[in-house]
Amino acid sequence: MLLLGFINTQSLYLSVVYSVLSIAKSREVDNSLTGLPLRIYLYLLSSGEPRTIREIASGIGASPSSVHYHVKKLVEAGILERSSNGYYIARRISIKGYIYIGSRLVPRLFVYSLFFLGIVIGELLKIALTMTISYDAVVAIASSATASVLLLIEGLEAWRRLMED
């Protein structure tokens, strides 16, 4: 009977992991920005205020002429607009594997990591309130904690790759 409970718990958590990853894959949008245009977009997104060509160039470590060329293309695409203070983001774009939380761009894997962390916290609270530890709770905590840590590590790696692009 204990083995059957273990198999059912594992099946439930594996189906949740599969569902979460399927949702992530189905919502991914191809990213049209790469390289310098993406770095310009991310810099302006993080600054939150209009920036001049020279400020953008020094902020991302590129030449002003290259930045000017790509900013011009981003303006033509409707992604950036110009004001008297400089250039700012006019339209948010979808970046594959990332979501916006407020004005921040966050890897989706971070959100999934928090989901599994919530399961760990819930199971720990259940153990604390009932003062009993079941085999199912231990399995749920172990598998959810593992999923949370792995998703967090993968999210950090994705974020690092995006910032280096």
N, C-alpha and C. Protein backbone atom coordinates (compact mmCIF):
# COMPACT_ATOMS: atom_id res chain seq x y z
N MET A 1 0.83 -1.20 0.00
CA MET A 1 0.00 0.00 0.00
C MET A 1 0.87 1.26 0.00
N LEU A 2 1.97 1.22 0.76
CA LEU A 2 2.89 2.36 0.82
C LEU A 2 3.51 2.61 -0.55
N LEU A 3 3.83 1.55 -1.27
CA LEU A 3 4.40 1.70 -2.60
C LEU A 3 3.40 2.31 -3.56
N LEU A 4 2.13 1.92 -3.45
CA LEU A 4 1.09 2.49 -4.31
C LEU A 4 0.93 3.99 -4.05
N GLY A 5 1.00 4.41 -2.78
CA GLY A 5 0.94 5.84 -2.46
C GLY A 5 2.12 6.59 -3.04
N PHE A 6 3.28 5.99 -3.00
CA PHE A 6 4.49 6.61 -3.56
C PHE A 6 4.33 6.78 -5.07
N ILE A 7 3.84 5.73 -5.75
CA ILE A 7 3.67 5.79 -7.21
C ILE A 7 2.64 6.85 -7.58
N ASN A 8 1.53 6.93 -6.85
CA ASN A 8 0.51 7.94 -7.13
C ASN A 8 1.05 9.35 -6.93
N THR A 9 1.82 9.57 -5.85
CA THR A 9 2.39 10.88 -5.58
C THR A 9 3.39 11.26 -6.67
N GLN A 10 4.25 10.32 -7.06
CA GLN A 10 5.22 10.59 -8.12
C GLN A 10 4.51 10.89 -9.43
N SER A 11 3.47 10.14 -9.75
CA SER A 11 2.72 10.37 -10.99
C SER A 11 2.10 11.75 -10.99
N LEU A 12 1.55 12.17 -9.85
CA LEU A 12 0.94 13.50 -9.75
C LEU A 12 1.99 14.58 -10.00
N TYR A 13 3.12 14.48 -9.35
CA TYR A 13 4.14 15.51 -9.50
C TYR A 13 4.78 15.51 -10.89
N LEU A 14 4.94 14.33 -11.47
CA LEU A 14 5.47 14.27 -12.83
C LEU A 14 4.48 14.88 -13.82
N SER A 15 3.17 14.66 -13.60
CA SER A 15 2.19 15.25 -14.51
C SER A 15 2.14 16.76 -14.34
N VAL A 16 2.33 17.27 -13.11
CA VAL A 16 2.37 18.72 -12.89
C VAL A 16 3.60 19.31 -13.58
N VAL A 17 4.75 18.67 -13.45
CA VAL A 17 5.97 19.16 -14.11
C VAL A 17 5.77 19.17 -15.62
N TYR A 18 5.22 18.09 -16.16
CA TYR A 18 4.99 18.01 -17.60
C TYR A 18 4.02 19.10 -18.06
N SER A 19 2.96 19.34 -17.29
CA SER A 19 1.99 20.37 -17.65
C SER A 19 2.63 21.76 -17.64
N VAL A 20 3.42 22.04 -16.61
CA VAL A 20 4.07 23.35 -16.51
C VAL A 20 5.01 23.55 -17.68
N LEU A 21 5.81 22.55 -18.02
CA LEU A 21 6.74 22.68 -19.14
C LEU A 21 6.02 22.76 -20.47
N SER A 22 4.88 22.07 -20.62
CA SER A 22 4.10 22.15 -21.85
C SER A 22 3.51 23.54 -22.03
N ILE A 23 3.02 24.13 -20.94
CA ILE A 23 2.49 25.49 -21.01
C ILE A 23 3.60 26.45 -21.42
N ALA A 24 4.78 26.28 -20.85
CA ALA A 24 5.91 27.15 -21.19
C ALA A 24 6.25 27.05 -22.66
N LYS A 25 6.27 25.84 -23.20
CA LYS A 25 6.64 25.66 -24.59
C LYS A 25 5.57 26.22 -25.52
N SER A 26 4.29 26.07 -25.18
CA SER A 26 3.22 26.52 -26.06
C SER A 26 3.10 28.04 -26.09
N ARG A 27 3.57 28.73 -25.07
CA ARG A 27 3.45 30.18 -25.02
C ARG A 27 4.68 30.91 -25.53
N GLU A 28 5.71 30.18 -25.93
CA GLU A 28 6.92 30.85 -26.38
C GLU A 28 6.66 31.56 -27.70
N VAL A 29 7.18 32.75 -27.81
CA VAL A 29 7.05 33.56 -29.01
C VAL A 29 8.45 33.75 -29.58
N ASP A 30 8.56 33.61 -30.90
CA ASP A 30 9.88 33.81 -31.49
C ASP A 30 10.34 35.23 -31.27
N ASN A 31 11.58 35.36 -30.96
CA ASN A 31 12.17 36.66 -30.66
C ASN A 31 12.76 37.23 -31.94
N SER A 32 12.33 38.43 -32.30
CA SER A 32 12.85 39.05 -33.51
C SER A 32 14.11 39.86 -33.24
N LEU A 33 14.39 40.16 -31.99
CA LEU A 33 15.58 40.94 -31.65
C LEU A 33 16.69 40.03 -31.16
N THR A 34 17.88 40.27 -31.68
CA THR A 34 19.06 39.56 -31.20
C THR A 34 20.23 40.54 -31.23
N GLY A 35 21.30 40.18 -30.61
CA GLY A 35 22.52 40.98 -30.66
C GLY A 35 22.35 42.39 -30.13
N LEU A 36 22.89 43.35 -30.85
CA LEU A 36 22.90 44.74 -30.40
C LEU A 36 21.50 45.34 -30.24
N PRO A 37 20.56 45.10 -31.17
CA PRO A 37 19.21 45.64 -30.94
C PRO A 37 18.57 45.12 -29.64
N LEU A 38 18.80 43.85 -29.32
CA LEU A 38 18.27 43.30 -28.08
C LEU A 38 18.95 43.95 -26.88
N ARG A 39 20.24 44.16 -26.94
CA ARG A 39 20.96 44.83 -25.84
C ARG A 39 20.45 46.26 -25.64
N ILE A 40 20.17 46.97 -26.74
CA ILE A 40 19.62 48.33 -26.65
C ILE A 40 18.25 48.28 -25.98
N TYR A 41 17.42 47.35 -26.42
CA TYR A 41 16.07 47.21 -25.85
C TYR A 41 16.15 46.92 -24.35
N LEU A 42 16.98 45.97 -23.96
CA LEU A 42 17.10 45.60 -22.55
C LEU A 42 17.66 46.75 -21.71
N TYR A 43 18.59 47.50 -22.28
CA TYR A 43 19.15 48.65 -21.56
C TYR A 43 18.06 49.70 -21.31
N LEU A 44 17.29 50.02 -22.34
CA LEU A 44 16.23 51.01 -22.17
C LEU A 44 15.13 50.50 -21.25
N LEU A 45 14.86 49.20 -21.29
CA LEU A 45 13.86 48.62 -20.40
C LEU A 45 14.31 48.74 -18.95
N SER A 46 15.57 48.47 -18.69
CA SER A 46 16.07 48.52 -17.31
C SER A 46 16.24 49.96 -16.81
N SER A 47 16.52 50.89 -17.72
CA SER A 47 16.71 52.28 -17.28
C SER A 47 15.39 52.93 -16.90
N GLY A 48 14.32 52.59 -17.62
CA GLY A 48 13.02 53.12 -17.27
C GLY A 48 12.78 54.57 -17.64
N GLU A 49 13.74 55.20 -18.29
CA GLU A 49 13.58 56.59 -18.69
C GLU A 49 14.29 56.81 -20.02
N PRO A 50 13.92 57.87 -20.75
CA PRO A 50 14.54 58.12 -22.05
C PRO A 50 16.06 58.29 -21.93
N ARG A 51 16.77 57.77 -22.92
CA ARG A 51 18.22 57.87 -22.97
C ARG A 51 18.66 58.34 -24.35
N THR A 52 19.74 59.11 -24.38
CA THR A 52 20.29 59.57 -25.65
C THR A 52 21.13 58.46 -26.27
N ILE A 53 21.50 58.65 -27.53
CA ILE A 53 22.34 57.67 -28.23
C ILE A 53 23.66 57.47 -27.48
N ARG A 54 24.28 58.54 -27.04
CA ARG A 54 25.56 58.43 -26.33
C ARG A 54 25.41 57.70 -25.00
N GLU A 55 24.32 57.95 -24.28
CA GLU A 55 24.08 57.25 -23.01
C GLU A 55 23.87 55.76 -23.25
N ILE A 56 23.11 55.43 -24.28
CA ILE A 56 22.88 54.03 -24.61
C ILE A 56 24.20 53.36 -24.99
N ALA A 57 24.96 54.04 -25.85
CA ALA A 57 26.24 53.48 -26.31
C ALA A 57 27.19 53.22 -25.15
N SER A 58 27.32 54.17 -24.24
CA SER A 58 28.21 53.95 -23.10
C SER A 58 27.64 52.92 -22.13
N GLY A 59 26.32 52.85 -22.02
CA GLY A 59 25.70 51.89 -21.12
C GLY A 59 25.86 50.45 -21.55
N ILE A 60 25.91 50.22 -22.87
CA ILE A 60 26.03 48.84 -23.35
C ILE A 60 27.41 48.55 -23.94
N GLY A 61 28.27 49.55 -23.96
CA GLY A 61 29.63 49.34 -24.45
C GLY A 61 29.72 49.14 -25.95
N ALA A 62 28.97 49.95 -26.70
CA ALA A 62 29.01 49.86 -28.16
C ALA A 62 29.31 51.24 -28.73
N SER A 63 29.62 51.29 -30.01
CA SER A 63 29.94 52.57 -30.63
C SER A 63 28.64 53.35 -30.89
N PRO A 64 28.69 54.67 -30.75
CA PRO A 64 27.49 55.49 -30.99
C PRO A 64 26.93 55.32 -32.41
N SER A 65 27.78 55.12 -33.40
CA SER A 65 27.27 54.96 -34.77
C SER A 65 26.47 53.67 -34.92
N SER A 66 26.95 52.59 -34.32
CA SER A 66 26.21 51.32 -34.37
C SER A 66 24.90 51.44 -33.61
N VAL A 67 24.95 52.07 -32.44
CA VAL A 67 23.73 52.25 -31.65
C VAL A 67 22.73 53.11 -32.42
N HIS A 68 23.21 54.19 -33.05
CA HIS A 68 22.32 55.07 -33.81
C HIS A 68 21.62 54.30 -34.94
N TYR A 69 22.37 53.47 -35.65
CA TYR A 69 21.80 52.67 -36.74
C TYR A 69 20.68 51.76 -36.22
N HIS A 70 20.96 51.03 -35.13
CA HIS A 70 19.98 50.08 -34.62
C HIS A 70 18.80 50.78 -33.94
N VAL A 71 19.05 51.89 -33.28
CA VAL A 71 17.95 52.65 -32.68
C VAL A 71 17.02 53.14 -33.78
N LYS A 72 17.58 53.59 -34.88
CA LYS A 72 16.77 54.05 -36.02
C LYS A 72 15.88 52.91 -36.52
N LYS A 73 16.43 51.73 -36.63
CA LYS A 73 15.65 50.56 -37.07
C LYS A 73 14.56 50.20 -36.05
N LEU A 74 14.88 50.32 -34.77
CA LEU A 74 13.89 50.03 -33.72
C LEU A 74 12.77 51.07 -33.73
N VAL A 75 13.10 52.31 -34.04
CA VAL A 75 12.07 53.35 -34.15
C VAL A 75 11.17 53.05 -35.35
N GLU A 76 11.77 52.67 -36.47
CA GLU A 76 10.99 52.32 -37.67
C GLU A 76 10.07 51.14 -37.40
N ALA A 77 10.50 50.21 -36.56
CA ALA A 77 9.68 49.04 -36.22
C ALA A 77 8.60 49.37 -35.20
N GLY A 78 8.63 50.57 -34.63
CA GLY A 78 7.63 50.96 -33.64
C GLY A 78 7.92 50.49 -32.23
N ILE A 79 9.11 49.97 -32.01
CA ILE A 79 9.48 49.48 -30.67
C ILE A 79 9.97 50.63 -29.80
N LEU A 80 10.70 51.55 -30.39
CA LEU A 80 11.20 52.73 -29.67
C LEU A 80 10.56 53.99 -30.25
N GLU A 81 10.52 55.02 -29.43
CA GLU A 81 10.11 56.35 -29.88
C GLU A 81 11.10 57.36 -29.32
N ARG A 82 11.10 58.52 -29.97
CA ARG A 82 12.02 59.57 -29.56
C ARG A 82 11.24 60.67 -28.86
N SER A 83 11.81 61.17 -27.77
CA SER A 83 11.26 62.33 -27.08
C SER A 83 12.35 63.39 -27.02
N SER A 84 12.04 64.51 -26.41
CA SER A 84 13.06 65.56 -26.30
C SER A 84 14.22 65.14 -25.40
N ASN A 85 13.99 64.15 -24.53
CA ASN A 85 15.03 63.68 -23.61
C ASN A 85 15.83 62.50 -24.13
N GLY A 86 15.40 61.91 -25.23
CA GLY A 86 16.08 60.74 -25.77
C GLY A 86 15.09 59.71 -26.27
N TYR A 87 15.52 58.47 -26.32
CA TYR A 87 14.70 57.37 -26.83
C TYR A 87 14.15 56.56 -25.66
N TYR A 88 12.92 56.05 -25.86
CA TYR A 88 12.28 55.23 -24.84
C TYR A 88 11.49 54.11 -25.51
N ILE A 89 11.11 53.13 -24.73
CA ILE A 89 10.37 51.98 -25.27
C ILE A 89 8.92 52.39 -25.48
N ALA A 90 8.47 52.24 -26.72
CA ALA A 90 7.09 52.58 -27.06
C ALA A 90 6.19 51.35 -27.01
N ARG A 91 6.77 50.20 -27.30
CA ARG A 91 5.98 48.95 -27.35
C ARG A 91 6.83 47.82 -26.81
N ARG A 92 6.26 47.09 -25.87
CA ARG A 92 6.97 45.92 -25.35
C ARG A 92 6.91 44.81 -26.37
N ILE A 93 7.97 44.06 -26.42
CA ILE A 93 8.02 42.91 -27.31
C ILE A 93 8.08 41.64 -26.49
N SER A 94 7.62 40.56 -27.08
CA SER A 94 7.71 39.26 -26.43
C SER A 94 9.09 38.69 -26.66
N ILE A 95 9.70 38.22 -25.61
CA ILE A 95 11.01 37.58 -25.71
C ILE A 95 10.84 36.14 -25.25
N LYS A 96 11.23 35.24 -26.09
CA LYS A 96 11.04 33.81 -25.85
C LYS A 96 11.57 33.39 -24.48
N GLY A 97 10.68 32.78 -23.68
CA GLY A 97 11.07 32.26 -22.38
C GLY A 97 11.03 33.27 -21.24
N TYR A 98 10.52 34.48 -21.50
CA TYR A 98 10.51 35.53 -20.49
C TYR A 98 9.12 36.14 -20.38
N ILE A 99 8.80 36.67 -19.19
CA ILE A 99 7.55 37.39 -18.97
C ILE A 99 7.87 38.72 -18.30
N TYR A 100 6.95 39.63 -18.42
CA TYR A 100 7.09 40.92 -17.75
C TYR A 100 6.34 40.87 -16.43
N ILE A 101 7.02 41.26 -15.38
CA ILE A 101 6.39 41.46 -14.08
C ILE A 101 6.64 42.92 -13.75
N GLY A 102 5.60 43.72 -13.89
CA GLY A 102 5.77 45.17 -13.79
C GLY A 102 6.61 45.63 -14.97
N SER A 103 7.68 46.30 -14.69
CA SER A 103 8.57 46.75 -15.76
C SER A 103 9.81 45.86 -15.87
N ARG A 104 9.81 44.75 -15.18
CA ARG A 104 10.97 43.85 -15.19
C ARG A 104 10.72 42.67 -16.12
N LEU A 105 11.76 42.25 -16.79
CA LEU A 105 11.73 41.06 -17.63
C LEU A 105 12.30 39.91 -16.81
N VAL A 106 11.51 38.86 -16.62
CA VAL A 106 11.89 37.77 -15.73
C VAL A 106 11.76 36.45 -16.49
N PRO A 107 12.75 35.55 -16.36
CA PRO A 107 12.61 34.24 -17.00
C PRO A 107 11.39 33.50 -16.45
N ARG A 108 10.63 32.87 -17.33
CA ARG A 108 9.45 32.11 -16.90
C ARG A 108 9.84 31.02 -15.92
N LEU A 109 11.03 30.49 -16.06
CA LEU A 109 11.46 29.41 -15.18
C LEU A 109 11.48 29.85 -13.72
N PHE A 110 11.70 31.14 -13.46
CA PHE A 110 11.65 31.64 -12.08
C PHE A 110 10.24 31.48 -11.51
N VAL A 111 9.24 31.77 -12.30
CA VAL A 111 7.84 31.65 -11.86
C VAL A 111 7.53 30.19 -11.56
N TYR A 112 7.97 29.29 -12.43
CA TYR A 112 7.74 27.86 -12.20
C TYR A 112 8.47 27.39 -10.95
N SER A 113 9.66 27.93 -10.73
CA SER A 113 10.41 27.60 -9.53
C SER A 113 9.63 28.00 -8.28
N LEU A 114 9.02 29.18 -8.33
CA LEU A 114 8.21 29.64 -7.19
C LEU A 114 7.00 28.75 -6.96
N PHE A 115 6.41 28.23 -8.03
CA PHE A 115 5.29 27.30 -7.90
C PHE A 115 5.70 26.09 -7.05
N PHE A 116 6.82 25.48 -7.40
CA PHE A 116 7.27 24.30 -6.66
C PHE A 116 7.73 24.65 -5.25
N LEU A 117 8.28 25.84 -5.08
CA LEU A 117 8.64 26.29 -3.74
C LEU A 117 7.37 26.42 -2.88
N GLY A 118 6.29 26.87 -3.49
CA GLY A 118 5.01 26.95 -2.78
C GLY A 118 4.53 25.59 -2.31
N ILE A 119 4.73 24.56 -3.12
CA ILE A 119 4.36 23.21 -2.71
C ILE A 119 5.20 22.78 -1.52
N VAL A 120 6.49 23.06 -1.56
CA VAL A 120 7.38 22.71 -0.43
C VAL A 120 6.91 23.40 0.84
N ILE A 121 6.63 24.69 0.76
CA ILE A 121 6.18 25.45 1.94
C ILE A 121 4.87 24.91 2.45
N GLY A 122 3.95 24.60 1.53
CA GLY A 122 2.65 24.04 1.94
C GLY A 122 2.79 22.72 2.66
N GLU A 123 3.63 21.86 2.15
CA GLU A 123 3.85 20.56 2.79
C GLU A 123 4.51 20.72 4.16
N LEU A 124 5.47 21.65 4.25
CA LEU A 124 6.12 21.89 5.55
C LEU A 124 5.13 22.45 6.56
N LEU A 125 4.25 23.34 6.10
CA LEU A 125 3.21 23.86 7.01
C LEU A 125 2.26 22.77 7.46
N LYS A 126 1.90 21.88 6.53
CA LYS A 126 1.02 20.77 6.88
C LYS A 126 1.67 19.88 7.94
N ILE A 127 2.95 19.62 7.79
CA ILE A 127 3.67 18.81 8.78
C ILE A 127 3.72 19.54 10.11
N ALA A 128 3.99 20.84 10.09
CA ALA A 128 4.09 21.62 11.33
C ALA A 128 2.75 21.68 12.05
N LEU A 129 1.67 21.81 11.31
CA LEU A 129 0.34 21.93 11.94
C LEU A 129 -0.20 20.60 12.43
N THR A 130 0.04 19.53 11.70
CA THR A 130 -0.49 18.23 12.11
C THR A 130 0.47 17.45 12.99
N MET A 131 1.73 17.87 13.00
CA MET A 131 2.78 17.21 13.79
C MET A 131 2.96 15.74 13.39
N THR A 132 2.66 15.44 12.13
CA THR A 132 2.88 14.09 11.61
C THR A 132 3.61 14.20 10.27
N ILE A 133 4.50 13.25 10.07
CA ILE A 133 5.24 13.21 8.81
C ILE A 133 4.86 11.92 8.09
N SER A 134 4.34 12.09 6.88
CA SER A 134 4.00 10.91 6.09
C SER A 134 5.03 10.74 4.99
N TYR A 135 5.07 9.53 4.46
CA TYR A 135 5.99 9.24 3.37
C TYR A 135 5.66 10.10 2.15
N ASP A 136 4.35 10.29 1.90
CA ASP A 136 3.92 11.13 0.77
C ASP A 136 4.42 12.56 0.92
N ALA A 137 4.38 13.08 2.14
CA ALA A 137 4.85 14.45 2.36
C ALA A 137 6.35 14.56 2.10
N VAL A 138 7.09 13.57 2.53
CA VAL A 138 8.54 13.59 2.30
C VAL A 138 8.84 13.54 0.80
N VAL A 139 8.13 12.69 0.08
CA VAL A 139 8.32 12.59 -1.37
C VAL A 139 7.93 13.91 -2.04
N ALA A 140 6.81 14.48 -1.62
CA ALA A 140 6.36 15.75 -2.20
C ALA A 140 7.38 16.86 -1.94
N ILE A 141 7.90 16.91 -0.74
CA ILE A 141 8.90 17.93 -0.40
C ILE A 141 10.18 17.71 -1.20
N ALA A 142 10.65 16.49 -1.26
CA ALA A 142 11.90 16.20 -1.97
C ALA A 142 11.77 16.49 -3.46
N SER A 143 10.69 16.02 -4.08
CA SER A 143 10.56 16.22 -5.53
C SER A 143 10.29 17.68 -5.86
N SER A 144 9.49 18.36 -5.05
CA SER A 144 9.19 19.77 -5.32
C SER A 144 10.40 20.65 -5.07
N ALA A 145 11.16 20.35 -4.02
CA ALA A 145 12.38 21.13 -3.75
C ALA A 145 13.39 20.93 -4.87
N THR A 146 13.52 19.71 -5.36
CA THR A 146 14.43 19.44 -6.47
C THR A 146 14.00 20.20 -7.72
N ALA A 147 12.70 20.14 -8.04
CA ALA A 147 12.19 20.85 -9.22
C ALA A 147 12.41 22.35 -9.06
N SER A 148 12.15 22.88 -7.88
CA SER A 148 12.32 24.31 -7.64
C SER A 148 13.76 24.75 -7.84
N VAL A 149 14.69 24.00 -7.30
CA VAL A 149 16.11 24.34 -7.42
C VAL A 149 16.58 24.23 -8.86
N LEU A 150 16.18 23.16 -9.55
CA LEU A 150 16.60 22.99 -10.94
C LEU A 150 16.03 24.09 -11.84
N LEU A 151 14.77 24.45 -11.64
CA LEU A 151 14.17 25.52 -12.43
C LEU A 151 14.82 26.86 -12.12
N LEU A 152 15.17 27.08 -10.87
CA LEU A 152 15.85 28.32 -10.50
C LEU A 152 17.22 28.40 -11.17
N ILE A 153 17.97 27.32 -11.15
CA ILE A 153 19.29 27.29 -11.79
C ILE A 153 19.17 27.52 -13.29
N GLU A 154 18.22 26.85 -13.93
CA GLU A 154 18.01 27.03 -15.37
C GLU A 154 17.56 28.45 -15.69
N GLY A 155 16.73 29.04 -14.83
CA GLY A 155 16.30 30.42 -15.02
C GLY A 155 17.46 31.39 -14.92
N LEU A 156 18.34 31.17 -13.96
CA LEU A 156 19.52 32.03 -13.83
C LEU A 156 20.43 31.90 -15.05
N GLU A 157 20.56 30.69 -15.54
CA GLU A 157 21.40 30.47 -16.73
C GLU A 157 20.78 31.15 -17.96
N ALA A 158 19.46 31.06 -18.11
CA ALA A 158 18.79 31.73 -19.23
C ALA A 158 18.95 33.24 -19.14
N TRP A 159 18.84 33.77 -17.93
CA TRP A 159 18.99 35.21 -17.72
C TRP A 159 20.42 35.65 -18.07
N ARG A 160 21.40 34.86 -17.65
CA ARG A 160 22.80 35.17 -17.95
C ARG A 160 23.03 35.17 -19.46
N ARG A 161 22.48 34.17 -20.17
CA ARG A 161 22.64 34.10 -21.63
C ARG A 161 21.98 35.29 -22.33
N LEU A 162 20.82 35.71 -21.83
CA LEU A 162 20.13 36.86 -22.43
C LEU A 162 20.94 38.13 -22.25
N MET A 163 21.52 38.31 -21.07
CA MET A 163 22.29 39.52 -20.81
C MET A 163 23.61 39.54 -21.60
N GLU A 164 24.13 38.36 -21.94
CA GLU A 164 25.37 38.29 -22.72
C GLU A 164 25.12 38.44 -24.21
N ASP A 165 23.91 38.17 -24.65
CA ASP A 165 23.59 38.18 -26.08
C ASP A 165 23.91 39.45 -26.78
